[in-house]
Protein backbone atom coordinates (compact mmCIF):
# COMPACT_ATOMS: atom_id res chain seq x y z
CA MET A 1 15.34 -26.53 -27.78
CA ASN A 2 17.53 -27.28 -24.79
CA THR A 3 18.61 -30.87 -24.43
CA THR A 4 18.16 -32.74 -21.18
CA LYS A 5 21.91 -32.48 -20.58
CA GLU A 6 21.82 -28.69 -20.97
CA ILE A 7 18.84 -28.42 -18.62
CA TYR A 8 20.65 -30.45 -15.96
CA LYS A 9 23.78 -28.37 -16.45
CA LYS A 10 21.85 -25.12 -16.06
CA SER A 11 20.06 -26.43 -12.99
CA PHE A 12 23.36 -27.42 -11.45
CA GLN A 13 24.68 -23.88 -11.99
CA TYR A 14 21.67 -22.41 -10.19
CA ILE A 15 22.06 -24.81 -7.26
CA LYS A 16 25.81 -24.20 -7.10
CA THR A 17 25.32 -20.42 -7.07
CA PHE A 18 22.56 -20.70 -4.47
CA LEU A 19 24.70 -22.80 -2.10
CA LYS A 20 27.70 -20.54 -2.67
CA TRP A 21 25.82 -17.45 -1.58
CA ILE A 22 24.14 -19.23 1.33
CA PHE A 23 27.58 -20.04 2.72
CA ILE A 24 29.31 -16.75 1.90
CA ALA A 25 26.43 -14.53 3.02
CA THR A 26 26.18 -16.40 6.32
CA VAL A 27 29.90 -15.90 6.95
CA VAL A 28 29.58 -12.21 6.08
CA GLY A 29 26.53 -11.88 8.32
CA ILE A 30 28.27 -13.51 11.30
CA ILE A 31 31.39 -11.37 10.98
CA GLY A 32 29.43 -8.21 10.20
CA GLY A 33 27.05 -8.93 13.07
CA ILE A 34 29.87 -9.33 15.57
CA VAL A 35 31.76 -6.26 14.35
CA GLY A 36 28.57 -4.20 14.18
CA SER A 37 27.49 -5.27 17.66
CA VAL A 38 30.86 -4.47 19.21
CA PHE A 39 30.80 -1.15 17.36
CA HIS A 40 27.31 -0.46 18.71
CA LYS A 41 28.40 -1.23 22.27
CA CYS A 42 31.49 0.98 21.98
CA LEU A 43 29.44 3.89 20.63
CA ASP A 44 26.86 3.51 23.39
CA TYR A 45 29.63 3.49 26.00
CA VAL A 46 31.41 6.63 24.78
CA THR A 47 28.09 8.42 24.22
CA ASP A 48 27.00 7.71 27.81
CA LEU A 49 30.45 8.75 29.02
CA ARG A 50 30.19 12.08 27.20
CA MET A 51 26.63 12.75 28.29
CA ASN A 52 27.54 12.08 31.91
CA ASN A 53 30.68 14.21 31.61
CA SER A 54 29.66 16.99 29.23
CA TYR A 55 32.96 18.85 29.66
CA ILE A 56 34.53 16.26 27.31
CA THR A 57 32.90 18.15 24.44
CA TYR A 58 35.19 21.12 25.07
CA PHE A 59 38.17 18.95 24.06
CA MET A 60 36.85 18.40 20.52
CA PRO A 61 39.93 19.99 18.89
CA LEU A 62 42.07 17.30 20.52
CA GLY A 63 39.78 14.57 19.20
CA VAL A 64 39.84 15.79 15.61
CA LEU A 65 43.64 16.12 15.67
CA VAL A 66 43.89 12.43 16.60
CA ILE A 67 41.60 11.46 13.71
CA VAL A 68 43.38 13.66 11.16
CA ALA A 69 46.79 12.42 12.27
CA MET A 70 45.63 8.82 12.08
CA TYR A 71 44.29 9.13 8.54
CA ASN A 72 47.12 11.31 7.24
CA THR A 73 49.82 9.04 8.65
CA PHE A 74 48.53 5.66 7.61
CA CYS A 75 46.25 6.31 4.64
CA ASN A 76 47.79 6.97 1.26
CA LYS A 77 44.73 6.17 -0.86
CA GLY A 78 42.89 9.44 -0.99
CA THR A 79 39.66 9.75 0.95
CA LEU A 80 38.37 6.69 2.74
CA ASP A 81 34.62 7.26 3.03
CA THR A 82 31.22 5.98 1.91
CA ASN A 83 31.83 7.30 -1.60
CA LEU A 84 34.74 4.87 -1.94
CA ILE A 85 32.45 1.97 -0.99
CA ILE A 86 29.79 2.99 -3.53
CA THR A 87 32.42 3.46 -6.25
CA SER A 88 33.93 0.04 -5.55
CA VAL A 89 30.57 -1.64 -6.20
CA ARG A 90 30.13 0.15 -9.52
CA LYS A 91 33.73 0.11 -10.72
CA GLU A 92 37.06 -1.61 -10.14
CA GLU A 93 37.96 0.33 -7.01
CA GLU A 94 39.96 -1.35 -4.25
CA ILE A 95 38.83 -1.01 -0.64
CA PRO A 96 41.88 -1.28 1.64
CA PHE A 97 41.25 -3.27 4.81
CA ILE A 98 42.64 -0.37 6.84
CA ILE A 99 39.31 1.41 6.36
CA VAL A 100 37.73 -1.04 8.85
CA PRO A 101 39.74 -0.19 12.00
CA PHE A 102 40.08 3.46 11.01
CA ILE A 103 36.39 4.19 10.56
CA PHE A 104 35.71 2.21 13.75
CA LEU A 105 38.15 4.28 15.82
CA GLY A 106 37.36 7.54 14.02
CA THR A 107 33.64 7.26 14.68
CA VAL A 108 34.14 6.25 18.32
CA ILE A 109 36.38 9.29 18.84
CA THR A 110 33.83 11.51 17.08
CA GLN A 111 31.02 10.32 19.35
CA LEU A 112 33.19 10.56 22.46
CA PHE A 113 33.92 14.25 21.86
CA GLY A 114 30.43 15.15 20.62
CA GLY A 115 30.89 15.55 16.89
CA SER A 116 27.54 15.83 15.11
CA ALA A 117 27.79 12.72 12.96
CA GLY A 118 25.87 9.47 12.75
CA ARG A 119 26.66 5.79 12.87
CA GLU A 120 25.18 4.33 9.73
CA GLY A 121 27.65 5.95 7.34
CA ALA A 122 30.38 4.30 9.36
CA ALA A 123 28.44 1.03 9.21
CA LEU A 124 28.44 1.12 5.40
CA GLN A 125 32.19 1.70 5.37
CA LEU A 126 32.85 -1.00 7.96
CA GLY A 127 30.63 -3.52 6.21
CA GLY A 128 31.87 -2.65 2.75
CA GLY A 129 35.47 -3.03 3.84
CA ILE A 130 34.76 -6.37 5.50
CA GLY A 131 32.78 -7.70 2.53
CA TYR A 132 35.30 -6.60 -0.09
CA ASN A 133 38.28 -8.12 1.71
CA LEU A 134 36.41 -11.35 2.42
CA GLY A 135 35.75 -11.51 -1.31
CA LYS A 136 39.48 -11.35 -1.89
CA ILE A 137 40.05 -14.13 0.63
CA PHE A 138 37.40 -16.30 -1.07
CA LYS A 139 39.01 -15.44 -4.44
CA LEU A 140 35.72 -14.29 -5.94
CA ASN A 141 35.54 -12.74 -9.39
CA LYS A 142 35.01 -8.99 -9.76
CA ASN A 143 31.22 -9.24 -10.11
CA ASP A 144 30.87 -11.41 -7.03
CA ILE A 145 33.13 -9.07 -5.06
CA HIS A 146 30.67 -6.27 -5.82
CA ILE A 147 27.88 -8.42 -4.39
CA ILE A 148 29.75 -9.45 -1.26
CA THR A 149 30.65 -5.80 -0.67
CA MET A 150 26.94 -4.92 -0.65
CA ALA A 151 26.24 -7.89 1.63
CA GLY A 152 28.87 -6.58 4.04
CA MET A 153 27.27 -3.15 3.98
CA SER A 154 23.91 -4.73 4.77
CA SER A 155 25.25 -6.80 7.65
CA VAL A 156 26.87 -4.07 9.73
CA PHE A 157 24.06 -1.58 8.99
CA SER A 158 21.54 -4.17 10.19
CA ALA A 159 23.46 -5.02 13.36
CA LEU A 160 23.90 -1.37 14.21
CA PHE A 161 20.41 -0.08 13.49
CA GLY A 162 18.23 -3.17 13.90
CA THR A 163 16.34 -2.86 10.59
CA PRO A 164 17.46 -5.90 8.55
CA VAL A 165 15.23 -5.52 5.48
CA THR A 166 15.92 -1.79 5.19
CA ALA A 167 19.66 -2.49 5.48
CA ALA A 168 19.58 -5.07 2.68
CA ILE A 169 17.46 -3.05 0.26
CA PHE A 170 19.35 0.16 1.00
CA SER A 171 22.68 -1.45 0.09
CA LEU A 172 21.21 -2.53 -3.25
CA GLU A 173 19.34 0.71 -3.95
CA VAL A 174 21.94 3.32 -2.97
CA ILE A 175 24.47 2.31 -5.65
CA SER A 176 22.50 3.34 -8.76
CA VAL A 177 19.37 5.43 -8.41
CA GLY A 178 16.54 3.86 -10.38
CA ALA A 179 18.00 0.35 -10.69
CA PHE A 180 18.49 -2.74 -8.54
CA ASN A 181 21.09 -5.46 -8.83
CA PHE A 182 18.73 -8.30 -7.94
CA THR A 183 21.58 -10.79 -8.04
CA GLY A 184 22.56 -9.38 -4.67
CA LEU A 185 19.11 -9.72 -3.12
CA LEU A 186 19.64 -13.13 -1.47
CA PRO A 187 23.20 -12.44 -0.22
CA CYS A 188 22.26 -9.03 1.16
CA LEU A 189 19.09 -10.23 2.87
CA LEU A 190 20.72 -13.32 4.34
CA ALA A 191 23.78 -11.41 5.57
CA SER A 192 21.54 -8.70 7.00
CA VAL A 193 19.19 -11.05 8.85
CA THR A 194 22.11 -13.14 10.12
CA ALA A 195 23.82 -10.00 11.45
CA TYR A 196 20.57 -8.88 13.06
CA CYS A 197 20.27 -12.22 14.85
CA ILE A 198 23.87 -11.91 16.04
CA SER A 199 23.15 -8.41 17.37
CA THR A 200 20.22 -9.71 19.43
CA LEU A 201 22.62 -12.11 21.14
CA PHE A 202 24.54 -9.01 22.26
CA GLY A 203 21.34 -7.60 23.74
CA ILE A 204 20.88 -5.00 21.01
CA SER A 205 17.28 -4.28 20.07
CA GLY A 206 15.87 -2.61 16.98
CA GLU A 207 14.81 1.01 16.66
CA SER A 208 11.04 0.43 16.43
CA VAL A 209 8.96 3.24 17.95
CA ALA A 210 5.26 3.32 18.78
CA ILE A 211 3.52 6.40 17.38
CA LYS A 212 -0.08 7.42 16.78
CA ILE A 213 -0.83 6.92 13.08
CA GLU A 214 -3.21 9.43 11.54
CA PRO A 215 -6.21 7.86 9.73
CA ILE A 216 -5.95 8.01 5.96
CA SER A 217 -8.30 10.38 4.15
CA THR A 218 -8.21 12.72 1.16
CA VAL A 219 -7.49 15.68 3.41
CA MET A 220 -4.72 13.82 5.25
CA ILE A 221 -3.13 12.79 1.95
CA LEU A 222 -3.00 16.44 0.89
CA LYS A 223 -1.48 17.42 4.23
CA VAL A 224 1.17 14.70 3.94
CA ILE A 225 2.00 15.83 0.40
CA LEU A 226 2.53 19.39 1.65
CA LEU A 227 4.74 18.13 4.46
CA ALA A 228 6.72 15.95 2.03
CA ILE A 229 7.27 18.93 -0.29
CA CYS A 230 8.76 20.85 2.62
CA CYS A 231 10.89 17.83 3.56
CA ALA A 232 12.26 17.60 0.02
CA LEU A 233 13.39 21.23 0.28
CA ILE A 234 14.95 20.54 3.68
CA SER A 235 16.82 17.54 2.27
CA ILE A 236 18.26 19.75 -0.47
CA LEU A 237 19.26 22.35 2.12
CA PHE A 238 20.90 19.63 4.23
CA CYS A 239 22.97 18.22 1.35
CA VAL A 240 23.92 21.59 -0.12
CA THR A 241 24.98 22.98 3.27
CA ILE A 242 27.23 20.01 3.97
CA LYS A 243 28.85 20.14 0.53
CA LYS A 244 29.27 23.92 0.41
CA TRP A 245 30.68 24.14 3.91
CA GLY A 246 33.10 21.32 3.14
CA CYS A 247 34.31 23.15 0.04
CA PHE A 248 34.61 26.41 1.97
CA MET A 249 36.73 24.84 4.70
CA LYS A 250 39.02 23.08 2.23
CA ARG A 251 39.46 26.27 0.23
CA TYR A 252 40.38 28.57 3.09
CA PHE A 253 42.02 26.04 5.43
CA LYS A 254 44.06 23.77 3.19
CA ASN A 255 46.05 22.22 6.04
CA PRO A 256 43.88 19.38 7.44
CA TYR A 257 45.15 19.91 10.99
CA LEU A 258 44.30 23.62 10.94
CA ARG A 259 40.96 22.83 9.31
CA GLY A 260 40.21 20.33 12.06
CA ILE A 261 41.10 22.75 14.87
CA VAL A 262 39.05 25.57 13.34
CA GLY A 263 36.02 23.35 12.72
CA ALA A 264 36.10 21.65 16.12
CA SER A 265 36.58 24.97 17.91
CA LEU A 266 33.63 26.41 16.03
CA VAL A 267 31.43 23.49 17.14
CA VAL A 268 32.52 24.06 20.76
CA LEU A 269 31.71 27.78 20.50
CA LEU A 270 28.29 27.04 18.99
CA THR A 271 27.63 24.51 21.75
CA VAL A 272 28.39 27.12 24.41
CA ALA A 273 26.34 29.76 22.59
CA SER A 274 23.31 27.46 22.19
CA GLY A 275 23.40 26.54 25.88
CA THR A 276 22.67 22.87 25.14
CA PHE A 277 24.43 19.68 24.11
CA ASP A 278 21.41 18.49 22.11
CA TYR A 279 23.15 19.05 18.79
CA ASN A 280 26.29 17.12 19.67
CA GLY A 281 26.63 13.42 18.90
CA ALA A 282 24.31 11.41 16.70
CA GLY A 283 21.14 12.69 18.35
CA MET A 284 18.85 9.64 18.36
CA ASN A 285 17.63 10.72 21.81
CA ILE A 286 16.36 13.96 20.24
CA VAL A 287 14.75 11.98 17.42
CA GLU A 288 12.85 9.95 20.02
CA ARG A 289 11.82 13.16 21.75
CA ALA A 290 10.50 14.57 18.47
CA LEU A 291 8.56 11.37 17.78
CA SER A 292 6.83 11.88 21.11
CA GLY A 293 5.86 15.40 20.00
CA GLU A 294 8.52 17.50 21.72
CA THR A 295 11.12 19.63 19.94
CA GLY A 296 12.52 23.14 19.68
CA ALA A 297 11.49 25.42 16.83
CA TYR A 298 15.02 25.71 15.41
CA ASP A 299 16.47 22.31 16.28
CA PHE A 300 16.56 21.16 12.65
CA ILE A 301 18.48 24.25 11.51
CA MET A 302 21.01 23.92 14.34
CA LYS A 303 21.58 20.24 13.55
CA ILE A 304 22.28 21.02 9.89
CA ILE A 305 24.87 23.62 10.94
CA PHE A 306 26.52 21.38 13.54
CA THR A 307 26.69 18.43 11.13
CA ALA A 308 28.12 20.45 8.25
CA ILE A 309 30.91 21.85 10.45
CA THR A 310 31.63 18.48 12.07
CA ILE A 311 32.02 16.63 8.77
CA ALA A 312 34.09 19.44 7.21
CA ALA A 313 36.41 19.48 10.22
CA GLY A 314 37.43 15.87 9.58
CA PHE A 315 35.38 13.95 12.13
CA LYS A 316 34.14 10.52 11.05
CA GLY A 317 30.74 8.87 11.01
CA GLY A 318 27.91 9.63 8.65
CA GLU A 319 25.05 11.95 7.87
CA ILE A 320 22.11 9.53 8.02
CA VAL A 321 21.21 9.84 11.71
CA PRO A 322 21.65 13.64 11.56
CA ALA A 323 19.23 13.49 8.59
CA PHE A 324 16.81 11.55 10.83
CA PHE A 325 17.26 14.27 13.46
CA VAL A 326 16.62 17.07 10.96
CA GLY A 327 13.59 15.36 9.44
CA ALA A 328 11.99 14.39 12.74
CA THR A 329 12.43 17.78 14.41
CA PHE A 330 11.33 19.64 11.27
CA GLY A 331 8.23 17.46 10.92
CA CYS A 332 7.40 17.92 14.59
CA VAL A 333 7.43 21.72 14.13
CA ILE A 334 5.64 21.95 10.77
CA GLY A 335 3.14 19.11 11.29
CA PRO A 336 0.81 20.91 13.72
CA ILE A 337 0.77 23.95 11.42
CA LEU A 338 -0.52 21.68 8.64
CA GLY A 339 -2.98 19.97 10.96
CA ILE A 340 -0.98 16.75 11.42
CA GLY A 341 -0.23 15.29 14.84
CA SER A 342 3.30 16.28 15.90
CA GLY A 343 4.51 12.72 16.56
CA PHE A 344 3.22 11.35 13.28
CA ALA A 345 4.53 14.38 11.40
CA ALA A 346 7.94 13.81 12.99
CA ALA A 347 7.90 10.22 11.70
CA ILE A 348 6.86 11.36 8.22
CA GLY A 349 9.54 14.06 8.27
CA MET A 350 12.24 11.65 9.39
CA VAL A 351 11.54 9.14 6.63
CA ALA A 352 10.93 11.76 3.92
CA VAL A 353 14.14 13.69 4.59
CA PHE A 354 16.08 10.43 4.70
CA CYS A 355 14.59 9.56 1.31
CA GLY A 356 15.53 12.94 -0.10
CA VAL A 357 19.16 12.85 0.99
CA VAL A 358 19.91 9.25 -0.06
CA ASN A 359 17.60 8.95 -3.11
CA CYS A 360 16.31 5.57 -1.94
CA PRO A 361 12.48 5.58 -1.86
CA ILE A 362 11.97 1.81 -1.49
CA SER A 363 14.40 1.59 1.43
CA SER A 364 12.71 4.59 3.03
CA ILE A 365 9.26 3.03 2.78
CA ILE A 366 10.53 -0.24 4.27
CA LEU A 367 12.24 1.75 7.03
CA SER A 368 8.89 3.28 7.95
CA VAL A 369 7.38 -0.19 8.33
CA GLU A 370 10.27 -1.59 10.38
CA MET A 371 10.29 1.44 12.69
CA PHE A 372 6.63 2.44 12.93
CA GLY A 373 4.60 -0.54 11.74
CA ALA A 374 2.53 -1.00 8.59
CA ASP A 375 -0.59 0.95 9.58
CA GLY A 376 0.68 4.17 8.02
CA LEU A 377 2.30 2.52 5.00
CA ALA A 378 0.20 4.36 2.38
CA LEU A 379 0.92 7.80 3.83
CA PHE A 380 4.62 7.07 4.33
CA GLY A 381 4.77 5.77 0.77
CA ILE A 382 3.24 8.96 -0.62
CA ALA A 383 5.62 11.09 1.42
CA CYS A 384 8.66 9.17 0.17
CA ALA A 385 7.51 9.35 -3.44
CA VAL A 386 7.02 13.12 -3.23
CA SER A 387 10.32 13.72 -1.48
CA TYR A 388 12.18 11.48 -3.93
CA ILE A 389 10.96 13.39 -6.97
CA LEU A 390 11.27 16.92 -5.60
CA SER A 391 14.70 16.47 -4.00
CA GLY A 392 16.10 16.40 -7.54
CA HIS A 393 19.57 15.01 -8.14
CA SER A 394 21.00 16.28 -4.88
CA GLY A 395 22.23 13.69 -2.41
CA LEU A 396 24.77 12.88 0.26
CA TYR A 397 26.96 10.67 -1.91
CA LYS A 398 28.69 12.16 -4.94
CA SER A 399 29.62 8.64 -6.13
CA GLN A 400 25.97 7.60 -6.29
CA ASN A 401 24.96 6.97 -9.90
CA ILE A 402 21.69 8.65 -10.96
CA LEU A 403 20.81 6.09 -13.61
CA TYR A 404 17.22 7.04 -14.43
CA SER A 405 15.79 10.53 -14.50
CA LYS A 406 13.29 11.29 -11.75
CA ILE A 407 10.88 13.01 -14.14
CA THR A 408 11.10 10.87 -17.29
CA ALA A 409 11.80 7.23 -18.11
CA ASP A 410 15.07 8.17 -19.77
CA ILE A 411 18.47 6.86 -18.75
CA VAL A 412 20.47 9.95 -17.77
CA ASN A 413 23.75 8.38 -16.65
CA ASP A 414 25.15 5.03 -17.66
């Protein structure tokens, strides 16, 4: 049995750890909240500038050359992307501080010129870089640095997107599919909520949307399952297209400058051919349109193509908001065919495709609550579960560890 002295010693360790993370997570949340809010404002500014001056899109080749030159000149540590952040949490991988200003500038340039990339991938890189380097400043051990890195990811994601609980759980869930590091729960949640509060001081509001929730019934459950099956297939198509196109471009255009010019020029040509700028930029305005029941029949296909070319060309950002775009527009088209209201189907599609591409069902379910309320929780939960299983082991992040099989209780990768 433990002696009284040992009990007091153990209790002191718990209290010490608790106070340590209260302090560190708050610092991370404040810094991440400020950086994320400034980032949000900058992206809004350049997006409005581009939308009011659409001719800027035609200068995309110039924009990608600036990004490629910036990374090639100052970065000597391979690829600085979200995969590096995920790897650093799982292994002893250093995150150079230079990733913070570079992903900030690279994403702003991408949005200014109309590259089809999102914001949240950049948020994970920004936050991860901030958290990791703060861990070095605080002289934390390697395990605590992994935790503070996830807390940083949570903070900037939360400030940028306005979904604090989703941001925290996503940062914990995305590292190893099928397992949580619950030691990081308090730091990630506290950093995320703190960052969210900071963002509100900047006048940034969350992404909650009012939609008409379909009443739950046996028939509606079956319809949602069918929609989720389709969304799982779309998520596979999305991931495979991005990866295959990236490999194709690197194989046939080995010079990154030439690859950037070819890719950016192709996006410009497709923009002219499509006769619309709807597929340029992140596309949250089109997501909102789909949630209100309005979309084109082929919008989801066009967004997949635009995003694959944009990322392969060397533009910076992420694929999460494009995945929202694809899911929402696809759901809006397929929903009425299945007998589901177009707005609700768009919401289901958005969350289900997101789940399929990131392999994070719990985060996806929480996202549905933070964005659309809890009334449709059961149906959103079923959709996420179906999409998670049927999307297989495909995903956006090659560094993501598939720890548990999706069809058995076996550990498949440790």
